N, C-alpha and C. Protein backbone atom coordinates (compact mmCIF):
# COMPACT_ATOMS: atom_id res chain seq x y z
N UNK A 1 0.81 -1.21 0.00
CA UNK A 1 0.00 0.00 0.00
C UNK A 1 0.84 1.26 0.00
N UNK A 2 2.16 1.14 0.02
CA UNK A 2 3.01 2.32 -0.09
C UNK A 2 3.49 2.91 1.21
N UNK A 3 3.41 2.14 2.31
CA UNK A 3 3.81 2.67 3.62
C UNK A 3 5.30 3.03 3.67
N UNK A 4 6.14 2.13 3.19
CA UNK A 4 7.58 2.38 3.21
C UNK A 4 7.93 3.57 2.33
N UNK A 5 7.33 3.65 1.16
CA UNK A 5 7.58 4.78 0.27
C UNK A 5 7.13 6.08 0.92
N UNK A 6 5.96 6.07 1.53
CA UNK A 6 5.47 7.27 2.22
C UNK A 6 6.44 7.72 3.30
N UNK A 7 6.92 6.78 4.11
CA UNK A 7 7.88 7.12 5.17
C UNK A 7 9.15 7.73 4.57
N UNK A 8 9.63 7.16 3.50
CA UNK A 8 10.86 7.66 2.87
C UNK A 8 10.66 9.03 2.23
N UNK A 9 9.49 9.26 1.69
CA UNK A 9 9.19 10.59 1.13
C UNK A 9 9.10 11.61 2.26
N UNK A 10 8.40 11.27 3.34
CA UNK A 10 8.27 12.19 4.47
C UNK A 10 9.63 12.52 5.09
N UNK A 11 10.53 11.55 5.09
CA UNK A 11 11.87 11.75 5.67
C UNK A 11 12.84 12.37 4.67
N UNK A 12 12.40 12.61 3.45
CA UNK A 12 13.21 13.18 2.36
C UNK A 12 14.38 12.27 1.99
N UNK A 13 14.18 10.97 2.15
CA UNK A 13 15.15 10.01 1.63
C UNK A 13 14.97 9.86 0.13
N UNK A 14 13.72 10.04 -0.31
CA UNK A 14 13.41 10.13 -1.73
C UNK A 14 12.48 11.33 -1.91
N UNK A 15 12.53 11.94 -3.08
CA UNK A 15 11.70 13.11 -3.35
C UNK A 15 10.46 12.68 -4.12
N UNK A 16 9.32 13.31 -3.84
CA UNK A 16 8.10 12.95 -4.57
C UNK A 16 8.20 13.36 -6.05
N UNK A 17 7.55 12.61 -6.91
CA UNK A 17 7.57 12.93 -8.33
C UNK A 17 6.54 13.99 -8.68
N UNK A 18 5.55 14.16 -7.79
CA UNK A 18 4.55 15.21 -7.99
C UNK A 18 3.95 15.54 -6.64
N UNK A 19 3.24 16.65 -6.59
CA UNK A 19 2.58 17.06 -5.35
C UNK A 19 3.54 17.75 -4.40
N UNK A 20 3.02 18.07 -3.21
CA UNK A 20 3.79 18.79 -2.20
C UNK A 20 3.60 18.14 -0.84
N UNK A 21 4.61 18.27 0.00
CA UNK A 21 4.54 17.76 1.37
C UNK A 21 4.61 18.96 2.31
N UNK A 22 3.66 19.02 3.23
CA UNK A 22 3.64 20.09 4.21
C UNK A 22 3.79 19.50 5.61
N UNK A 23 4.68 20.08 6.40
CA UNK A 23 4.87 19.71 7.79
C UNK A 23 4.52 20.96 8.60
N UNK A 24 3.52 20.85 9.47
CA UNK A 24 3.04 22.01 10.24
C UNK A 24 2.74 23.19 9.32
N UNK A 25 2.03 22.92 8.24
CA UNK A 25 1.59 23.93 7.28
C UNK A 25 2.73 24.63 6.54
N UNK A 26 3.92 24.04 6.54
CA UNK A 26 5.06 24.59 5.82
C UNK A 26 5.57 23.56 4.84
N UNK A 27 5.73 23.95 3.59
CA UNK A 27 6.27 23.05 2.58
C UNK A 27 7.67 22.65 3.03
N UNK A 28 7.91 21.36 3.10
CA UNK A 28 9.20 20.92 3.64
C UNK A 28 10.37 21.24 2.72
N UNK A 29 10.10 21.66 1.49
CA UNK A 29 11.18 22.07 0.59
C UNK A 29 11.72 23.45 0.95
N UNK A 30 11.06 24.12 1.90
CA UNK A 30 11.57 25.40 2.40
C UNK A 30 12.94 25.18 3.05
N UNK A 31 13.15 23.98 3.57
CA UNK A 31 14.41 23.64 4.24
C UNK A 31 15.27 22.82 3.30
N UNK A 32 16.57 22.98 3.40
CA UNK A 32 17.46 22.13 2.62
C UNK A 32 17.29 20.70 3.13
N UNK A 33 17.60 19.73 2.27
CA UNK A 33 17.51 18.32 2.68
C UNK A 33 18.35 18.08 3.91
N UNK A 34 19.56 18.65 3.94
CA UNK A 34 20.48 18.46 5.06
C UNK A 34 19.90 19.03 6.36
N UNK A 35 19.36 20.25 6.29
CA UNK A 35 18.78 20.89 7.48
C UNK A 35 17.57 20.09 7.97
N UNK A 36 16.72 19.68 7.06
CA UNK A 36 15.52 18.91 7.40
C UNK A 36 15.90 17.58 8.07
N UNK A 37 16.83 16.86 7.44
CA UNK A 37 17.24 15.55 7.98
C UNK A 37 17.91 15.67 9.34
N UNK A 38 18.51 16.82 9.63
CA UNK A 38 19.15 17.00 10.94
C UNK A 38 18.11 17.10 12.06
N UNK A 39 16.85 17.29 11.70
CA UNK A 39 15.79 17.44 12.69
C UNK A 39 14.90 16.21 12.81
N UNK A 40 15.26 15.14 12.08
CA UNK A 40 14.42 13.94 12.12
C UNK A 40 15.19 12.73 12.63
N UNK A 41 14.43 11.73 13.05
CA UNK A 41 14.95 10.41 13.34
C UNK A 41 14.12 9.45 12.51
N UNK A 42 14.75 8.45 11.96
CA UNK A 42 14.01 7.50 11.11
C UNK A 42 14.53 6.09 11.30
N UNK A 43 13.59 5.17 11.34
CA UNK A 43 13.89 3.74 11.30
C UNK A 43 13.02 3.16 10.20
N UNK A 44 13.67 2.61 9.18
CA UNK A 44 12.92 1.93 8.13
C UNK A 44 13.01 0.43 8.37
N UNK A 45 12.26 -0.32 7.61
CA UNK A 45 12.24 -1.78 7.78
C UNK A 45 13.65 -2.34 7.64
N UNK A 46 13.98 -3.28 8.47
CA UNK A 46 15.25 -4.01 8.43
C UNK A 46 16.46 -3.12 8.72
N UNK A 47 16.26 -2.06 9.50
CA UNK A 47 17.37 -1.19 9.91
C UNK A 47 18.35 -2.01 10.75
N UNK A 48 19.62 -1.82 10.52
CA UNK A 48 20.66 -2.60 11.22
C UNK A 48 21.70 -1.67 11.82
N UNK A 49 22.45 -2.18 12.78
CA UNK A 49 23.55 -1.38 13.31
C UNK A 49 24.69 -1.34 12.29
N UNK A 50 25.65 -0.47 12.54
CA UNK A 50 26.86 -0.48 11.73
C UNK A 50 27.97 -1.13 12.54
N UNK A 51 29.04 -1.50 11.89
CA UNK A 51 30.14 -2.16 12.58
C UNK A 51 30.81 -1.16 13.51
N UNK A 52 30.87 -1.51 14.78
CA UNK A 52 31.45 -0.65 15.81
C UNK A 52 30.94 -1.07 17.16
N UNK A 53 31.22 -0.29 18.18
CA UNK A 53 30.74 -0.64 19.52
C UNK A 53 29.27 -0.25 19.66
N UNK A 54 28.65 -0.77 20.69
CA UNK A 54 27.26 -0.40 20.96
C UNK A 54 27.17 1.10 21.21
N UNK A 55 28.12 1.64 21.98
CA UNK A 55 28.11 3.08 22.25
C UNK A 55 28.25 3.88 20.97
N UNK A 56 29.14 3.47 20.08
CA UNK A 56 29.29 4.16 18.80
C UNK A 56 28.01 4.07 17.97
N UNK A 57 27.32 2.94 18.03
CA UNK A 57 26.07 2.78 17.30
C UNK A 57 24.98 3.69 17.83
N UNK A 58 25.00 3.96 19.12
CA UNK A 58 23.98 4.82 19.70
C UNK A 58 24.31 6.30 19.48
N UNK A 59 25.56 6.67 19.71
CA UNK A 59 25.94 8.10 19.67
C UNK A 59 26.50 8.55 18.33
N UNK A 60 26.85 7.61 17.45
CA UNK A 60 27.53 7.93 16.20
C UNK A 60 28.77 8.80 16.46
N UNK A 61 29.42 8.53 17.59
CA UNK A 61 30.64 9.24 18.00
C UNK A 61 30.45 10.74 18.18
N UNK A 62 29.23 11.16 18.46
CA UNK A 62 28.96 12.58 18.70
C UNK A 62 29.48 12.93 20.10
N UNK A 63 30.53 13.75 20.21
CA UNK A 63 31.11 14.05 21.52
C UNK A 63 30.20 14.90 22.40
N UNK A 64 29.16 15.49 21.82
CA UNK A 64 28.24 16.33 22.60
C UNK A 64 27.24 15.50 23.40
N UNK A 65 27.11 14.21 23.08
CA UNK A 65 26.16 13.36 23.80
C UNK A 65 26.83 12.89 25.09
N UNK A 66 26.22 13.23 26.19
CA UNK A 66 26.75 12.88 27.51
C UNK A 66 26.41 11.43 27.83
N UNK A 67 27.32 10.76 28.53
CA UNK A 67 27.11 9.36 28.88
C UNK A 67 25.88 9.19 29.78
N UNK A 68 25.59 10.19 30.62
CA UNK A 68 24.39 10.13 31.46
C UNK A 68 23.12 10.08 30.60
N UNK A 69 23.14 10.80 29.49
CA UNK A 69 22.01 10.78 28.57
C UNK A 69 21.85 9.38 27.97
N UNK A 70 22.97 8.75 27.63
CA UNK A 70 22.93 7.39 27.09
C UNK A 70 22.34 6.44 28.12
N UNK A 71 22.82 6.51 29.37
CA UNK A 71 22.32 5.61 30.42
C UNK A 71 20.83 5.82 30.68
N UNK A 72 20.39 7.06 30.66
CA UNK A 72 18.95 7.35 30.86
C UNK A 72 18.13 6.73 29.74
N UNK A 73 18.61 6.88 28.51
CA UNK A 73 17.90 6.31 27.37
C UNK A 73 17.90 4.78 27.42
N UNK A 74 19.02 4.17 27.83
CA UNK A 74 19.07 2.72 27.98
C UNK A 74 17.98 2.23 28.93
N UNK A 75 17.78 2.95 30.01
CA UNK A 75 16.72 2.59 30.97
C UNK A 75 15.35 2.68 30.33
N UNK A 76 15.07 3.77 29.63
CA UNK A 76 13.76 3.96 29.00
C UNK A 76 13.46 2.89 27.94
N UNK A 77 14.52 2.43 27.27
CA UNK A 77 14.34 1.45 26.20
C UNK A 77 14.53 0.01 26.67
N UNK A 78 14.61 -0.17 27.98
CA UNK A 78 14.73 -1.51 28.56
C UNK A 78 15.97 -2.23 28.03
N UNK A 79 17.08 -1.48 27.92
CA UNK A 79 18.33 -2.02 27.39
C UNK A 79 19.40 -2.22 28.46
N UNK A 80 19.22 -1.65 29.62
CA UNK A 80 20.26 -1.65 30.64
C UNK A 80 20.72 -3.06 30.99
N UNK A 81 19.80 -3.96 31.30
CA UNK A 81 20.17 -5.32 31.69
C UNK A 81 20.91 -6.06 30.58
N UNK A 82 20.46 -5.88 29.34
CA UNK A 82 21.11 -6.55 28.21
C UNK A 82 22.54 -6.05 28.04
N UNK A 83 22.76 -4.77 28.21
CA UNK A 83 24.10 -4.20 28.07
C UNK A 83 24.99 -4.65 29.22
N UNK A 84 24.45 -4.66 30.43
CA UNK A 84 25.23 -5.09 31.60
C UNK A 84 25.63 -6.56 31.50
N UNK A 85 24.83 -7.36 30.82
CA UNK A 85 25.12 -8.79 30.69
C UNK A 85 26.28 -9.07 29.72
N UNK A 86 26.64 -8.09 28.93
CA UNK A 86 27.75 -8.26 27.98
C UNK A 86 29.06 -7.97 28.68
N UNK A 87 30.09 -8.80 28.48
CA UNK A 87 31.37 -8.61 29.17
C UNK A 87 31.97 -7.21 29.01
N UNK A 88 31.81 -6.61 27.84
CA UNK A 88 32.37 -5.28 27.61
C UNK A 88 31.32 -4.18 27.62
N UNK A 89 30.07 -4.52 27.98
CA UNK A 89 29.02 -3.51 28.09
C UNK A 89 28.88 -2.69 26.82
N UNK A 90 28.86 -1.36 26.97
CA UNK A 90 28.71 -0.47 25.83
C UNK A 90 29.89 -0.53 24.87
N UNK A 91 31.02 -1.06 25.33
CA UNK A 91 32.20 -1.18 24.48
C UNK A 91 32.22 -2.48 23.67
N UNK A 92 31.14 -3.24 23.72
CA UNK A 92 31.02 -4.47 22.95
C UNK A 92 30.96 -4.14 21.47
N UNK A 93 31.83 -4.79 20.70
CA UNK A 93 31.82 -4.61 19.25
C UNK A 93 30.69 -5.44 18.64
N UNK A 94 29.99 -4.84 17.69
CA UNK A 94 28.96 -5.58 16.97
C UNK A 94 29.22 -5.46 15.48
N UNK A 95 28.78 -6.47 14.75
CA UNK A 95 28.95 -6.48 13.30
C UNK A 95 27.85 -5.64 12.67
N UNK A 96 27.96 -5.42 11.37
CA UNK A 96 26.96 -4.60 10.68
C UNK A 96 25.59 -5.27 10.64
N UNK A 97 25.53 -6.57 10.90
CA UNK A 97 24.23 -7.24 10.99
C UNK A 97 23.85 -7.49 12.45
N UNK A 98 24.77 -7.27 13.36
CA UNK A 98 24.51 -7.47 14.78
C UNK A 98 24.21 -8.92 15.14
N UNK A 99 24.79 -9.87 14.41
CA UNK A 99 24.43 -11.28 14.58
C UNK A 99 24.75 -11.84 15.96
N UNK A 100 25.73 -11.27 16.66
CA UNK A 100 26.10 -11.84 17.95
C UNK A 100 25.19 -11.36 19.09
N UNK A 101 24.23 -10.50 18.77
CA UNK A 101 23.29 -9.98 19.78
C UNK A 101 21.88 -10.29 19.31
N UNK A 102 20.97 -10.58 20.24
CA UNK A 102 19.62 -10.97 19.82
C UNK A 102 18.87 -9.81 19.14
N UNK A 103 17.88 -10.17 18.34
CA UNK A 103 17.18 -9.22 17.48
C UNK A 103 16.48 -8.11 18.27
N UNK A 104 15.91 -8.43 19.43
CA UNK A 104 15.21 -7.39 20.20
C UNK A 104 16.20 -6.35 20.73
N UNK A 105 17.38 -6.79 21.15
CA UNK A 105 18.40 -5.85 21.61
C UNK A 105 18.88 -4.97 20.46
N UNK A 106 19.06 -5.56 19.29
CA UNK A 106 19.47 -4.79 18.12
C UNK A 106 18.42 -3.72 17.80
N UNK A 107 17.14 -4.10 17.84
CA UNK A 107 16.08 -3.12 17.56
C UNK A 107 16.14 -1.96 18.56
N UNK A 108 16.40 -2.25 19.81
CA UNK A 108 16.48 -1.20 20.83
C UNK A 108 17.70 -0.30 20.61
N UNK A 109 18.82 -0.88 20.20
CA UNK A 109 20.02 -0.09 19.92
C UNK A 109 19.75 0.86 18.75
N UNK A 110 19.13 0.36 17.70
CA UNK A 110 18.81 1.19 16.54
C UNK A 110 17.82 2.28 16.93
N UNK A 111 16.85 1.96 17.78
CA UNK A 111 15.90 2.97 18.26
C UNK A 111 16.62 4.02 19.10
N UNK A 112 17.54 3.59 19.95
CA UNK A 112 18.31 4.53 20.76
C UNK A 112 19.07 5.50 19.86
N UNK A 113 19.71 5.00 18.83
CA UNK A 113 20.44 5.85 17.88
C UNK A 113 19.50 6.86 17.23
N UNK A 114 18.30 6.41 16.92
CA UNK A 114 17.32 7.25 16.24
C UNK A 114 16.85 8.42 17.11
N UNK A 115 16.77 8.22 18.43
CA UNK A 115 16.17 9.26 19.28
C UNK A 115 17.16 9.96 20.22
N UNK A 116 18.42 9.55 20.24
CA UNK A 116 19.40 10.12 21.19
C UNK A 116 19.55 11.63 21.01
N UNK A 117 19.38 12.14 19.81
CA UNK A 117 19.54 13.57 19.54
C UNK A 117 18.24 14.37 19.67
N UNK A 118 17.20 13.75 20.21
CA UNK A 118 15.93 14.43 20.43
C UNK A 118 15.39 15.09 19.15
N UNK A 119 15.10 14.29 18.12
CA UNK A 119 14.62 14.87 16.85
C UNK A 119 13.26 15.54 17.02
N UNK A 120 12.92 16.39 16.07
CA UNK A 120 11.61 17.06 16.07
C UNK A 120 10.55 16.17 15.43
N UNK A 121 10.97 15.38 14.45
CA UNK A 121 10.09 14.44 13.77
C UNK A 121 10.70 13.05 13.86
N UNK A 122 9.87 12.09 14.16
CA UNK A 122 10.34 10.71 14.31
C UNK A 122 9.50 9.82 13.41
N UNK A 123 10.16 9.15 12.46
CA UNK A 123 9.50 8.25 11.52
C UNK A 123 9.95 6.83 11.83
N UNK A 124 9.01 5.98 12.22
CA UNK A 124 9.35 4.61 12.63
C UNK A 124 8.54 3.59 11.85
N UNK A 125 9.23 2.63 11.27
CA UNK A 125 8.57 1.55 10.56
C UNK A 125 8.82 0.24 11.31
N UNK A 126 7.78 -0.32 11.89
CA UNK A 126 7.86 -1.55 12.68
C UNK A 126 9.04 -1.53 13.65
N UNK A 127 9.11 -0.50 14.51
CA UNK A 127 10.31 -0.32 15.33
C UNK A 127 10.49 -1.35 16.45
N UNK A 128 9.40 -2.01 16.86
CA UNK A 128 9.49 -2.90 18.01
C UNK A 128 8.90 -4.28 17.74
N UNK A 129 8.89 -4.69 16.50
CA UNK A 129 8.22 -5.95 16.17
C UNK A 129 8.96 -7.20 16.65
N UNK A 130 10.19 -7.06 17.12
CA UNK A 130 10.94 -8.21 17.64
C UNK A 130 11.05 -8.18 19.17
N UNK A 131 10.32 -7.29 19.80
CA UNK A 131 10.41 -7.10 21.25
C UNK A 131 9.14 -7.66 21.91
N UNK A 132 9.32 -8.29 23.07
CA UNK A 132 8.17 -8.89 23.76
C UNK A 132 7.12 -7.82 24.10
N UNK A 133 5.88 -8.28 24.29
CA UNK A 133 4.74 -7.38 24.43
C UNK A 133 4.88 -6.41 25.61
N UNK A 134 5.29 -6.89 26.78
CA UNK A 134 5.38 -6.02 27.96
C UNK A 134 6.43 -4.93 27.77
N UNK A 135 7.64 -5.30 27.35
CA UNK A 135 8.67 -4.30 27.09
C UNK A 135 8.25 -3.34 25.99
N UNK A 136 7.62 -3.88 24.97
CA UNK A 136 7.15 -3.07 23.85
C UNK A 136 6.17 -2.00 24.34
N UNK A 137 5.22 -2.38 25.18
CA UNK A 137 4.24 -1.41 25.70
C UNK A 137 4.92 -0.31 26.51
N UNK A 138 5.88 -0.68 27.34
CA UNK A 138 6.58 0.31 28.15
C UNK A 138 7.39 1.27 27.28
N UNK A 139 8.02 0.75 26.24
CA UNK A 139 8.79 1.59 25.33
C UNK A 139 7.86 2.50 24.53
N UNK A 140 6.73 1.96 24.08
CA UNK A 140 5.76 2.78 23.34
C UNK A 140 5.22 3.90 24.22
N UNK A 141 4.94 3.60 25.48
CA UNK A 141 4.48 4.65 26.40
C UNK A 141 5.54 5.74 26.54
N UNK A 142 6.81 5.36 26.61
CA UNK A 142 7.89 6.33 26.67
C UNK A 142 7.93 7.17 25.38
N UNK A 143 7.87 6.50 24.22
CA UNK A 143 7.95 7.22 22.94
C UNK A 143 6.80 8.21 22.76
N UNK A 144 5.64 7.87 23.29
CA UNK A 144 4.46 8.72 23.12
C UNK A 144 4.20 9.62 24.33
N UNK A 145 5.13 9.65 25.27
CA UNK A 145 4.96 10.48 26.45
C UNK A 145 4.85 11.96 26.10
N UNK A 146 4.10 12.68 26.89
CA UNK A 146 3.84 14.10 26.62
C UNK A 146 5.10 14.95 26.68
N UNK A 147 6.14 14.51 27.39
CA UNK A 147 7.37 15.28 27.50
C UNK A 147 8.26 15.17 26.26
N UNK A 148 7.94 14.25 25.37
CA UNK A 148 8.82 14.03 24.22
C UNK A 148 8.77 15.21 23.25
N UNK A 149 9.93 15.56 22.67
CA UNK A 149 10.00 16.74 21.81
C UNK A 149 9.59 16.48 20.36
N UNK A 150 9.19 15.26 20.05
CA UNK A 150 8.96 14.92 18.65
C UNK A 150 7.50 14.69 18.32
N UNK A 151 7.23 14.85 17.03
CA UNK A 151 5.99 14.36 16.44
C UNK A 151 6.35 12.99 15.89
N UNK A 152 5.52 12.03 16.15
CA UNK A 152 5.82 10.64 15.81
C UNK A 152 4.90 10.16 14.69
N UNK A 153 5.53 9.62 13.64
CA UNK A 153 4.79 8.97 12.55
C UNK A 153 5.28 7.53 12.54
N UNK A 154 4.35 6.59 12.66
CA UNK A 154 4.75 5.19 12.79
C UNK A 154 3.94 4.31 11.85
N UNK A 155 4.60 3.31 11.30
CA UNK A 155 3.95 2.25 10.53
C UNK A 155 4.14 0.99 11.34
N UNK A 156 3.03 0.36 11.72
CA UNK A 156 3.13 -0.83 12.55
C UNK A 156 1.83 -1.62 12.52
N UNK A 157 1.97 -2.91 12.78
CA UNK A 157 0.79 -3.76 12.94
C UNK A 157 0.49 -3.99 14.41
N UNK A 158 1.32 -3.45 15.29
CA UNK A 158 1.12 -3.58 16.73
C UNK A 158 -0.11 -2.76 17.12
N UNK A 159 -1.13 -3.43 17.62
CA UNK A 159 -2.39 -2.77 17.94
C UNK A 159 -2.30 -1.78 19.11
N UNK A 160 -1.28 -1.89 19.92
CA UNK A 160 -1.15 -0.96 21.06
C UNK A 160 -0.99 0.49 20.60
N UNK A 161 -0.39 0.69 19.42
CA UNK A 161 -0.27 2.05 18.88
C UNK A 161 -1.64 2.72 18.78
N UNK A 162 -2.66 1.93 18.41
CA UNK A 162 -4.01 2.49 18.25
C UNK A 162 -4.54 3.08 19.55
N UNK A 163 -4.09 2.54 20.68
CA UNK A 163 -4.55 3.04 21.98
C UNK A 163 -3.84 4.32 22.41
N UNK A 164 -2.63 4.52 21.92
CA UNK A 164 -1.84 5.64 22.44
C UNK A 164 -1.60 6.77 21.45
N UNK A 165 -1.89 6.55 20.17
CA UNK A 165 -1.68 7.61 19.18
C UNK A 165 -2.93 8.47 19.06
N UNK A 166 -2.71 9.72 18.68
CA UNK A 166 -3.81 10.68 18.57
C UNK A 166 -4.53 10.60 17.23
N UNK A 167 -3.84 10.10 16.21
CA UNK A 167 -4.45 10.01 14.89
C UNK A 167 -3.97 8.74 14.20
N UNK A 168 -4.89 8.04 13.57
CA UNK A 168 -4.56 6.81 12.85
C UNK A 168 -5.03 6.96 11.41
N UNK A 169 -4.12 6.66 10.48
CA UNK A 169 -4.44 6.74 9.06
C UNK A 169 -4.28 5.33 8.49
N UNK A 170 -5.32 4.86 7.82
CA UNK A 170 -5.28 3.54 7.20
C UNK A 170 -5.00 3.69 5.71
N UNK A 171 -3.90 3.08 5.25
CA UNK A 171 -3.56 3.08 3.83
C UNK A 171 -3.92 1.72 3.23
N UNK A 172 -4.49 1.77 2.05
CA UNK A 172 -4.82 0.54 1.33
C UNK A 172 -4.58 0.77 -0.15
N UNK A 173 -3.74 -0.05 -0.74
CA UNK A 173 -3.44 0.05 -2.17
C UNK A 173 -3.04 1.47 -2.57
N UNK A 174 -2.21 2.09 -1.74
CA UNK A 174 -1.67 3.41 -2.07
C UNK A 174 -2.59 4.58 -1.82
N UNK A 175 -3.74 4.32 -1.21
CA UNK A 175 -4.69 5.40 -0.94
C UNK A 175 -5.08 5.43 0.52
N UNK A 176 -5.36 6.63 1.00
CA UNK A 176 -5.85 6.78 2.38
C UNK A 176 -7.29 6.31 2.41
N UNK A 177 -7.56 5.31 3.25
CA UNK A 177 -8.92 4.77 3.36
C UNK A 177 -9.68 5.39 4.52
N UNK A 178 -8.95 5.74 5.60
CA UNK A 178 -9.64 6.39 6.72
C UNK A 178 -8.63 7.15 7.56
N UNK A 179 -9.12 8.19 8.23
CA UNK A 179 -8.31 8.98 9.17
C UNK A 179 -9.08 9.04 10.48
């Protein structure tokens, strides 16, 4: 139905062939692609870590990110215990596929990387589909908390989103069927 394409267009990973995109009543082409992308976080389907340590995967070596911020985020994303269980903790090296770490931990690491810089817009495609239901609900509550600085656009089959999101749009065969 075009969900992945829609997410990529909204994130300016690809440009639309026709029409216009407005964010908060402003055409998003008002901003350069670079400026716009600096204000967003995005997770597309099958997002993976890059080769490096867990800390590097979360912070992308940004020296402005404080370690306390990382630890706070680990707690919110239910990652603390998994990181502590690793002999080298945040200094654990992972491959570009993250094969030596379980899929739910990888999803949380990728999510942490996506939100560590407090983006204004957050685009998530099936961000927690490999995480157990209880942890998933707690993380979703955190992501949708009123204190969060972002507007969240999510594509998911997880029904809990329907309970916590303010607006739901149903796409079918490339068309909006209901809002």
